[in-house]
N, C-alpha and C. Protein backbone atom coordinates (compact mmCIF):
# COMPACT_ATOMS: atom_id res chain seq x y z
N MET A 1 -47.70 55.44 -28.72
CA MET A 1 -47.41 56.11 -29.98
C MET A 1 -48.71 56.37 -30.76
N LEU A 2 -49.54 55.34 -30.89
CA LEU A 2 -50.80 55.51 -31.61
C LEU A 2 -51.72 56.49 -30.88
N PHE A 3 -51.72 56.42 -29.56
CA PHE A 3 -52.54 57.36 -28.79
C PHE A 3 -52.14 58.80 -29.06
N HIS A 4 -50.84 59.06 -29.18
CA HIS A 4 -50.37 60.43 -29.45
C HIS A 4 -50.84 60.90 -30.82
N PHE A 5 -50.88 59.99 -31.76
CA PHE A 5 -51.41 60.34 -33.08
C PHE A 5 -52.89 60.71 -32.98
N PHE A 6 -53.66 59.96 -32.24
CA PHE A 6 -55.08 60.25 -32.05
C PHE A 6 -55.26 61.62 -31.36
N GLN A 7 -54.43 61.90 -30.37
CA GLN A 7 -54.49 63.21 -29.70
C GLN A 7 -54.17 64.33 -30.69
N TRP A 8 -53.15 64.11 -31.50
CA TRP A 8 -52.76 65.12 -32.49
C TRP A 8 -53.91 65.39 -33.47
N ILE A 9 -54.54 64.31 -33.94
CA ILE A 9 -55.68 64.46 -34.87
C ILE A 9 -56.79 65.28 -34.20
N GLU A 10 -57.10 64.95 -32.96
CA GLU A 10 -58.19 65.65 -32.27
C GLU A 10 -57.85 67.12 -32.03
N ASN A 11 -56.59 67.42 -31.76
CA ASN A 11 -56.19 68.80 -31.50
C ASN A 11 -55.84 69.59 -32.75
N TRP A 12 -55.88 68.93 -33.86
CA TRP A 12 -55.68 69.57 -35.17
C TRP A 12 -56.80 70.60 -35.34
N GLY A 13 -56.56 71.65 -36.03
CA GLY A 13 -57.53 72.74 -36.18
C GLY A 13 -58.88 72.27 -36.72
N LEU A 14 -58.87 71.31 -37.62
CA LEU A 14 -60.12 70.81 -38.19
C LEU A 14 -60.99 70.15 -37.13
N GLY A 15 -60.38 69.30 -36.31
CA GLY A 15 -61.13 68.65 -35.23
C GLY A 15 -61.69 69.66 -34.25
N GLU A 16 -60.90 70.65 -33.91
CA GLU A 16 -61.36 71.70 -32.99
C GLU A 16 -62.52 72.48 -33.59
N ALA A 17 -62.41 72.80 -34.87
CA ALA A 17 -63.48 73.57 -35.53
C ALA A 17 -64.79 72.78 -35.53
N ILE A 18 -64.72 71.51 -35.81
CA ILE A 18 -65.93 70.68 -35.83
C ILE A 18 -66.51 70.56 -34.42
N ARG A 19 -65.66 70.37 -33.45
CA ARG A 19 -66.11 70.23 -32.06
C ARG A 19 -66.73 71.51 -31.54
N GLU A 20 -66.18 72.65 -31.90
CA GLU A 20 -66.65 73.93 -31.38
C GLU A 20 -67.85 74.50 -32.13
N SER A 21 -68.10 74.00 -33.30
CA SER A 21 -69.22 74.49 -34.10
C SER A 21 -70.53 73.87 -33.63
N LYS A 22 -71.57 74.68 -33.67
CA LYS A 22 -72.90 74.19 -33.29
C LYS A 22 -73.47 73.27 -34.37
N TRP A 23 -73.10 73.52 -35.63
CA TRP A 23 -73.75 72.83 -36.75
C TRP A 23 -72.87 71.84 -37.50
N LEU A 24 -71.57 71.99 -37.45
CA LEU A 24 -70.72 71.15 -38.30
C LEU A 24 -70.87 69.66 -38.02
N PHE A 25 -70.77 69.25 -36.75
CA PHE A 25 -70.86 67.82 -36.45
C PHE A 25 -72.20 67.23 -36.92
N PRO A 26 -73.35 67.85 -36.59
CA PRO A 26 -74.61 67.25 -37.04
C PRO A 26 -74.77 67.23 -38.56
N VAL A 27 -74.26 68.24 -39.25
CA VAL A 27 -74.35 68.26 -40.72
C VAL A 27 -73.48 67.15 -41.30
N ILE A 28 -72.26 67.03 -40.80
CA ILE A 28 -71.36 65.99 -41.31
C ILE A 28 -71.93 64.61 -41.00
N GLU A 29 -72.47 64.44 -39.80
CA GLU A 29 -73.06 63.15 -39.44
C GLU A 29 -74.27 62.82 -40.32
N SER A 30 -75.05 63.83 -40.68
CA SER A 30 -76.19 63.59 -41.58
C SER A 30 -75.72 63.13 -42.95
N VAL A 31 -74.68 63.75 -43.46
CA VAL A 31 -74.11 63.33 -44.75
C VAL A 31 -73.58 61.90 -44.64
N HIS A 32 -72.93 61.61 -43.52
CA HIS A 32 -72.40 60.27 -43.28
C HIS A 32 -73.53 59.23 -43.29
N LEU A 33 -74.63 59.54 -42.63
CA LEU A 33 -75.76 58.61 -42.58
C LEU A 33 -76.46 58.47 -43.93
N LEU A 34 -76.51 59.54 -44.70
CA LEU A 34 -77.06 59.43 -46.06
C LEU A 34 -76.17 58.52 -46.91
N GLY A 35 -74.86 58.65 -46.75
CA GLY A 35 -73.93 57.74 -47.43
C GLY A 35 -74.16 56.30 -47.02
N LEU A 36 -74.44 56.09 -45.73
CA LEU A 36 -74.73 54.75 -45.22
C LEU A 36 -75.97 54.17 -45.90
N ALA A 37 -76.98 55.00 -46.06
CA ALA A 37 -78.21 54.53 -46.71
C ALA A 37 -77.94 54.11 -48.16
N VAL A 38 -77.16 54.91 -48.87
CA VAL A 38 -76.87 54.60 -50.27
C VAL A 38 -76.00 53.35 -50.39
N ILE A 39 -74.96 53.27 -49.58
CA ILE A 39 -74.09 52.09 -49.67
C ILE A 39 -74.85 50.85 -49.24
N GLY A 40 -75.72 51.00 -48.24
CA GLY A 40 -76.54 49.87 -47.81
C GLY A 40 -77.41 49.35 -48.93
N GLY A 41 -78.01 50.27 -49.68
CA GLY A 41 -78.83 49.86 -50.83
C GLY A 41 -78.01 49.17 -51.91
N ALA A 42 -76.84 49.71 -52.19
CA ALA A 42 -75.98 49.12 -53.23
C ALA A 42 -75.52 47.72 -52.82
N ILE A 43 -75.16 47.57 -51.57
CA ILE A 43 -74.71 46.27 -51.07
C ILE A 43 -75.87 45.28 -51.07
N LEU A 44 -77.01 45.73 -50.55
CA LEU A 44 -78.17 44.84 -50.46
C LEU A 44 -78.65 44.36 -51.82
N MET A 45 -78.68 45.24 -52.81
CA MET A 45 -79.16 44.84 -54.13
C MET A 45 -78.36 43.67 -54.69
N VAL A 46 -77.05 43.78 -54.59
CA VAL A 46 -76.19 42.73 -55.14
C VAL A 46 -76.26 41.47 -54.27
N ASP A 47 -76.16 41.66 -52.96
CA ASP A 47 -76.13 40.49 -52.08
C ASP A 47 -77.46 39.74 -52.08
N LEU A 48 -78.57 40.44 -52.13
CA LEU A 48 -79.86 39.75 -52.21
C LEU A 48 -79.99 39.00 -53.53
N ARG A 49 -79.47 39.59 -54.60
CA ARG A 49 -79.49 38.90 -55.89
C ARG A 49 -78.59 37.66 -55.86
N LEU A 50 -77.43 37.78 -55.20
CA LEU A 50 -76.55 36.62 -55.04
C LEU A 50 -77.26 35.50 -54.27
N MET A 51 -78.12 35.87 -53.35
CA MET A 51 -78.84 34.88 -52.56
C MET A 51 -80.07 34.34 -53.29
N GLY A 52 -80.36 34.91 -54.45
CA GLY A 52 -81.48 34.42 -55.25
C GLY A 52 -82.78 35.15 -55.02
N PHE A 53 -82.73 36.28 -54.32
CA PHE A 53 -83.94 37.05 -54.05
C PHE A 53 -84.04 38.24 -54.99
N GLY A 54 -85.12 38.33 -55.72
CA GLY A 54 -85.42 39.50 -56.53
C GLY A 54 -84.52 39.72 -57.72
N LEU A 55 -84.99 40.58 -58.61
CA LEU A 55 -84.26 41.00 -59.80
C LEU A 55 -83.72 39.83 -60.61
N ARG A 56 -84.49 38.80 -60.71
CA ARG A 56 -84.02 37.58 -61.39
C ARG A 56 -83.88 37.73 -62.90
N ARG A 57 -84.46 38.75 -63.45
CA ARG A 57 -84.33 38.96 -64.89
C ARG A 57 -82.98 39.56 -65.26
N GLN A 58 -82.29 40.09 -64.27
CA GLN A 58 -80.96 40.66 -64.51
C GLN A 58 -79.91 39.75 -63.92
N SER A 59 -78.78 39.70 -64.58
CA SER A 59 -77.68 38.89 -64.06
C SER A 59 -77.05 39.59 -62.87
N VAL A 60 -76.39 38.81 -62.05
CA VAL A 60 -75.65 39.36 -60.91
C VAL A 60 -74.61 40.36 -61.43
N ARG A 61 -73.95 39.99 -62.51
CA ARG A 61 -72.93 40.86 -63.10
C ARG A 61 -73.51 42.22 -63.49
N GLN A 62 -74.69 42.21 -64.10
CA GLN A 62 -75.31 43.47 -64.53
C GLN A 62 -75.70 44.34 -63.34
N ILE A 63 -76.28 43.74 -62.33
CA ILE A 63 -76.68 44.49 -61.14
C ILE A 63 -75.44 45.07 -60.45
N ALA A 64 -74.41 44.25 -60.30
CA ALA A 64 -73.18 44.73 -59.67
C ALA A 64 -72.57 45.88 -60.46
N SER A 65 -72.61 45.78 -61.77
CA SER A 65 -72.09 46.84 -62.62
C SER A 65 -72.92 48.12 -62.49
N ASP A 66 -74.23 47.96 -62.43
CA ASP A 66 -75.13 49.12 -62.32
C ASP A 66 -74.96 49.87 -61.00
N VAL A 67 -74.73 49.14 -59.91
CA VAL A 67 -74.63 49.80 -58.60
C VAL A 67 -73.20 50.22 -58.26
N GLN A 68 -72.22 49.80 -59.05
CA GLN A 68 -70.82 50.12 -58.75
C GLN A 68 -70.56 51.61 -58.55
N PRO A 69 -71.06 52.51 -59.40
CA PRO A 69 -70.82 53.94 -59.15
C PRO A 69 -71.43 54.41 -57.83
N TRP A 70 -72.58 53.88 -57.47
CA TRP A 70 -73.23 54.24 -56.21
C TRP A 70 -72.42 53.72 -55.03
N LEU A 71 -71.91 52.52 -55.17
CA LEU A 71 -71.09 51.92 -54.12
C LEU A 71 -69.82 52.74 -53.89
N ILE A 72 -69.13 53.04 -54.95
CA ILE A 72 -67.87 53.78 -54.83
C ILE A 72 -68.13 55.21 -54.38
N GLY A 73 -69.15 55.84 -54.93
CA GLY A 73 -69.47 57.21 -54.54
C GLY A 73 -69.86 57.32 -53.07
N SER A 74 -70.73 56.43 -52.62
CA SER A 74 -71.16 56.49 -51.22
C SER A 74 -70.03 56.10 -50.28
N LEU A 75 -69.20 55.15 -50.68
CA LEU A 75 -68.05 54.79 -49.86
C LEU A 75 -67.10 55.98 -49.71
N THR A 76 -66.89 56.70 -50.79
CA THR A 76 -66.03 57.89 -50.75
C THR A 76 -66.62 58.93 -49.80
N VAL A 77 -67.92 59.19 -49.92
CA VAL A 77 -68.59 60.14 -49.03
C VAL A 77 -68.46 59.70 -47.58
N MET A 78 -68.67 58.41 -47.33
CA MET A 78 -68.60 57.91 -45.95
C MET A 78 -67.18 57.97 -45.39
N LEU A 79 -66.19 57.68 -46.19
CA LEU A 79 -64.81 57.74 -45.70
C LEU A 79 -64.40 59.18 -45.36
N ILE A 80 -64.78 60.11 -46.22
CA ILE A 80 -64.44 61.52 -45.96
C ILE A 80 -65.21 62.04 -44.75
N SER A 81 -66.51 61.82 -44.73
CA SER A 81 -67.30 62.33 -43.60
C SER A 81 -66.94 61.61 -42.30
N GLY A 82 -66.64 60.33 -42.39
CA GLY A 82 -66.23 59.58 -41.21
C GLY A 82 -64.91 60.10 -40.65
N PHE A 83 -63.98 60.42 -41.53
CA PHE A 83 -62.72 60.98 -41.07
C PHE A 83 -62.95 62.32 -40.38
N LEU A 84 -63.82 63.14 -40.94
CA LEU A 84 -64.11 64.44 -40.32
C LEU A 84 -64.73 64.25 -38.94
N LEU A 85 -65.66 63.32 -38.81
CA LEU A 85 -66.25 63.04 -37.50
C LEU A 85 -65.19 62.53 -36.53
N PHE A 86 -64.33 61.68 -37.02
CA PHE A 86 -63.25 61.13 -36.20
C PHE A 86 -62.35 62.23 -35.66
N THR A 87 -62.03 63.23 -36.48
CA THR A 87 -61.12 64.29 -36.03
C THR A 87 -61.68 65.05 -34.83
N SER A 88 -62.98 65.08 -34.69
CA SER A 88 -63.57 65.84 -33.59
C SER A 88 -63.60 65.07 -32.27
N GLU A 89 -63.38 63.76 -32.31
CA GLU A 89 -63.43 62.96 -31.08
C GLU A 89 -62.48 61.76 -31.15
N ALA A 90 -61.30 62.00 -31.65
CA ALA A 90 -60.35 60.91 -31.87
C ALA A 90 -59.94 60.22 -30.57
N THR A 91 -59.74 60.99 -29.52
CA THR A 91 -59.32 60.39 -28.25
C THR A 91 -60.40 59.48 -27.70
N LYS A 92 -61.64 59.89 -27.79
CA LYS A 92 -62.76 59.05 -27.37
C LYS A 92 -62.75 57.75 -28.18
N CYS A 93 -62.51 57.86 -29.48
CA CYS A 93 -62.49 56.68 -30.34
C CYS A 93 -61.37 55.72 -29.95
N TYR A 94 -60.24 56.26 -29.58
CA TYR A 94 -59.10 55.42 -29.21
C TYR A 94 -59.47 54.45 -28.09
N TYR A 95 -60.24 54.92 -27.14
CA TYR A 95 -60.61 54.11 -25.98
C TYR A 95 -61.88 53.29 -26.18
N HIS A 96 -62.55 53.50 -27.29
CA HIS A 96 -63.86 52.88 -27.50
C HIS A 96 -63.73 51.59 -28.32
N GLY A 97 -64.12 50.47 -27.72
CA GLY A 97 -64.06 49.19 -28.43
C GLY A 97 -64.86 49.18 -29.71
N ALA A 98 -65.97 49.89 -29.73
CA ALA A 98 -66.82 49.93 -30.92
C ALA A 98 -66.09 50.55 -32.11
N PHE A 99 -65.25 51.53 -31.85
CA PHE A 99 -64.48 52.16 -32.92
C PHE A 99 -63.58 51.12 -33.59
N TRP A 100 -62.92 50.30 -32.78
CA TRP A 100 -62.02 49.29 -33.32
C TRP A 100 -62.79 48.19 -34.04
N VAL A 101 -63.97 47.85 -33.54
CA VAL A 101 -64.84 46.89 -34.23
C VAL A 101 -65.23 47.45 -35.59
N LYS A 102 -65.64 48.72 -35.59
CA LYS A 102 -66.06 49.35 -36.85
C LYS A 102 -64.91 49.43 -37.85
N MET A 103 -63.74 49.86 -37.40
CA MET A 103 -62.61 50.01 -38.32
C MET A 103 -62.13 48.66 -38.85
N THR A 104 -62.14 47.65 -38.00
CA THR A 104 -61.75 46.30 -38.46
C THR A 104 -62.77 45.78 -39.47
N SER A 105 -64.06 45.95 -39.14
CA SER A 105 -65.12 45.52 -40.06
C SER A 105 -65.04 46.27 -41.37
N LEU A 106 -64.77 47.57 -41.30
CA LEU A 106 -64.68 48.38 -42.51
C LEU A 106 -63.53 47.92 -43.40
N ALA A 107 -62.37 47.71 -42.80
CA ALA A 107 -61.22 47.25 -43.59
C ALA A 107 -61.50 45.90 -44.24
N LEU A 108 -62.06 44.98 -43.46
CA LEU A 108 -62.38 43.66 -44.01
C LEU A 108 -63.48 43.73 -45.07
N ALA A 109 -64.50 44.57 -44.83
CA ALA A 109 -65.60 44.70 -45.78
C ALA A 109 -65.11 45.27 -47.11
N ILE A 110 -64.28 46.29 -47.05
CA ILE A 110 -63.74 46.88 -48.29
C ILE A 110 -62.88 45.86 -49.02
N LEU A 111 -62.00 45.21 -48.30
CA LEU A 111 -61.14 44.19 -48.90
C LEU A 111 -61.97 43.08 -49.54
N PHE A 112 -62.94 42.57 -48.81
CA PHE A 112 -63.79 41.49 -49.31
C PHE A 112 -64.61 41.94 -50.52
N THR A 113 -65.19 43.14 -50.44
CA THR A 113 -66.05 43.65 -51.51
C THR A 113 -65.29 43.82 -52.82
N PHE A 114 -64.08 44.35 -52.73
CA PHE A 114 -63.35 44.66 -53.96
C PHE A 114 -62.40 43.55 -54.40
N THR A 115 -62.46 42.40 -53.74
CA THR A 115 -61.68 41.25 -54.19
C THR A 115 -62.61 40.06 -54.44
N ILE A 116 -62.95 39.35 -53.39
CA ILE A 116 -63.72 38.12 -53.53
C ILE A 116 -65.11 38.38 -54.11
N ARG A 117 -65.84 39.31 -53.51
CA ARG A 117 -67.20 39.57 -53.99
C ARG A 117 -67.18 40.06 -55.43
N ARG A 118 -66.22 40.92 -55.76
CA ARG A 118 -66.12 41.43 -57.13
C ARG A 118 -65.84 40.30 -58.11
N SER A 119 -64.96 39.37 -57.77
CA SER A 119 -64.65 38.27 -58.70
C SER A 119 -65.86 37.35 -58.88
N VAL A 120 -66.62 37.14 -57.82
CA VAL A 120 -67.82 36.30 -57.93
C VAL A 120 -68.89 36.99 -58.77
N THR A 121 -69.10 38.27 -58.56
CA THR A 121 -70.13 38.96 -59.35
C THR A 121 -69.70 39.15 -60.80
N ALA A 122 -68.42 39.31 -61.05
CA ALA A 122 -67.94 39.48 -62.42
C ALA A 122 -68.03 38.17 -63.20
N ALA A 123 -67.75 37.06 -62.54
CA ALA A 123 -67.79 35.76 -63.22
C ALA A 123 -69.23 35.36 -63.53
N ASP A 124 -70.14 35.62 -62.58
CA ASP A 124 -71.56 35.34 -62.76
C ASP A 124 -71.81 33.89 -63.19
N ARG A 125 -70.96 32.97 -62.77
CA ARG A 125 -71.16 31.59 -63.16
C ARG A 125 -70.96 30.62 -62.00
N PHE A 126 -70.83 31.14 -60.82
CA PHE A 126 -70.67 30.28 -59.66
C PHE A 126 -72.01 29.73 -59.23
N GLY A 127 -71.98 28.64 -58.50
CA GLY A 127 -73.20 28.00 -58.05
C GLY A 127 -73.89 28.77 -56.94
N PRO A 128 -75.12 28.40 -56.66
CA PRO A 128 -75.91 29.12 -55.66
C PRO A 128 -75.32 29.05 -54.25
N VAL A 129 -74.65 27.98 -53.91
CA VAL A 129 -74.07 27.87 -52.57
C VAL A 129 -72.96 28.89 -52.39
N ARG A 130 -72.04 28.95 -53.34
CA ARG A 130 -70.95 29.92 -53.25
C ARG A 130 -71.50 31.34 -53.26
N ASN A 131 -72.46 31.61 -54.11
CA ASN A 131 -73.05 32.95 -54.16
C ASN A 131 -73.66 33.33 -52.81
N ARG A 132 -74.38 32.39 -52.20
CA ARG A 132 -75.01 32.68 -50.90
C ARG A 132 -73.97 32.91 -49.82
N VAL A 133 -72.92 32.13 -49.82
CA VAL A 133 -71.86 32.29 -48.82
C VAL A 133 -71.22 33.68 -48.97
N VAL A 134 -70.92 34.07 -50.19
CA VAL A 134 -70.33 35.38 -50.44
C VAL A 134 -71.28 36.48 -49.98
N ALA A 135 -72.55 36.34 -50.28
CA ALA A 135 -73.54 37.35 -49.87
C ALA A 135 -73.64 37.44 -48.35
N VAL A 136 -73.69 36.31 -47.68
CA VAL A 136 -73.80 36.31 -46.21
C VAL A 136 -72.56 36.94 -45.57
N VAL A 137 -71.38 36.60 -46.06
CA VAL A 137 -70.15 37.19 -45.52
C VAL A 137 -70.14 38.70 -45.76
N SER A 138 -70.53 39.11 -46.95
CA SER A 138 -70.59 40.53 -47.28
C SER A 138 -71.56 41.26 -46.34
N LEU A 139 -72.74 40.72 -46.19
CA LEU A 139 -73.74 41.35 -45.32
C LEU A 139 -73.26 41.39 -43.87
N ALA A 140 -72.59 40.35 -43.42
CA ALA A 140 -72.09 40.32 -42.04
C ALA A 140 -71.01 41.39 -41.84
N LEU A 141 -70.10 41.51 -42.78
CA LEU A 141 -69.03 42.50 -42.65
C LEU A 141 -69.58 43.92 -42.67
N TRP A 142 -70.45 44.22 -43.63
CA TRP A 142 -71.01 45.57 -43.70
C TRP A 142 -71.93 45.86 -42.52
N SER A 143 -72.60 44.83 -42.01
CA SER A 143 -73.42 45.02 -40.80
C SER A 143 -72.53 45.36 -39.61
N GLY A 144 -71.37 44.74 -39.54
CA GLY A 144 -70.41 45.06 -38.48
C GLY A 144 -69.99 46.52 -38.51
N VAL A 145 -69.86 47.07 -39.71
CA VAL A 145 -69.52 48.49 -39.84
C VAL A 145 -70.65 49.35 -39.28
N GLY A 146 -71.88 49.05 -39.70
CA GLY A 146 -73.02 49.83 -39.24
C GLY A 146 -73.28 49.68 -37.75
N ILE A 147 -73.20 48.47 -37.26
CA ILE A 147 -73.44 48.23 -35.83
C ILE A 147 -72.35 48.90 -34.99
N GLY A 148 -71.11 48.79 -35.42
CA GLY A 148 -70.02 49.46 -34.71
C GLY A 148 -70.23 50.97 -34.68
N GLY A 149 -70.69 51.54 -35.79
CA GLY A 149 -70.95 52.97 -35.84
C GLY A 149 -72.05 53.40 -34.90
N ARG A 150 -73.11 52.64 -34.86
CA ARG A 150 -74.21 52.99 -33.95
C ARG A 150 -73.79 52.80 -32.50
N TRP A 151 -72.98 51.81 -32.24
CA TRP A 151 -72.47 51.56 -30.90
C TRP A 151 -71.61 52.75 -30.44
N ILE A 152 -70.83 53.32 -31.34
CA ILE A 152 -70.04 54.50 -30.99
C ILE A 152 -70.97 55.64 -30.62
N GLY A 153 -72.00 55.84 -31.44
CA GLY A 153 -72.91 56.96 -31.24
C GLY A 153 -73.76 56.87 -30.00
N PHE A 154 -74.07 55.68 -29.56
CA PHE A 154 -75.00 55.53 -28.45
C PHE A 154 -74.34 55.16 -27.13
N SER A 155 -73.02 55.23 -27.08
CA SER A 155 -72.37 54.91 -25.80
C SER A 155 -71.27 55.89 -25.49
């Protein structure tokens, strides 16, 4: 059943247009990678601060608040561009373990970022051990997204 959905997505006119175009896939992928760079910076700024590295004059809460629009904006860009890339090769993704690693990591990273990590950064009063654990989990989840994406691209 799920495989038929993936086939339908790939055979949808949008997927065909992206696949048949000389420029659409590389342009969309470039936008996707630019979104990755921005979200990576937003995640790193907060997580490194949670770990006690850099920007010590600003509170974790302030840094998280400052990067929130960048985080949400880049995540939106990446979700849209990622979906477009997916439509052009959905069947390949269905069979690719890296796709499932990336999607699982993405779901967990989004859930973790907008629940646990958000509550820790908003409270700004937890101890250094809890902050470091949250930062390490966040970095691991988002790294799983990036590694899964590169694994899809290079295999």
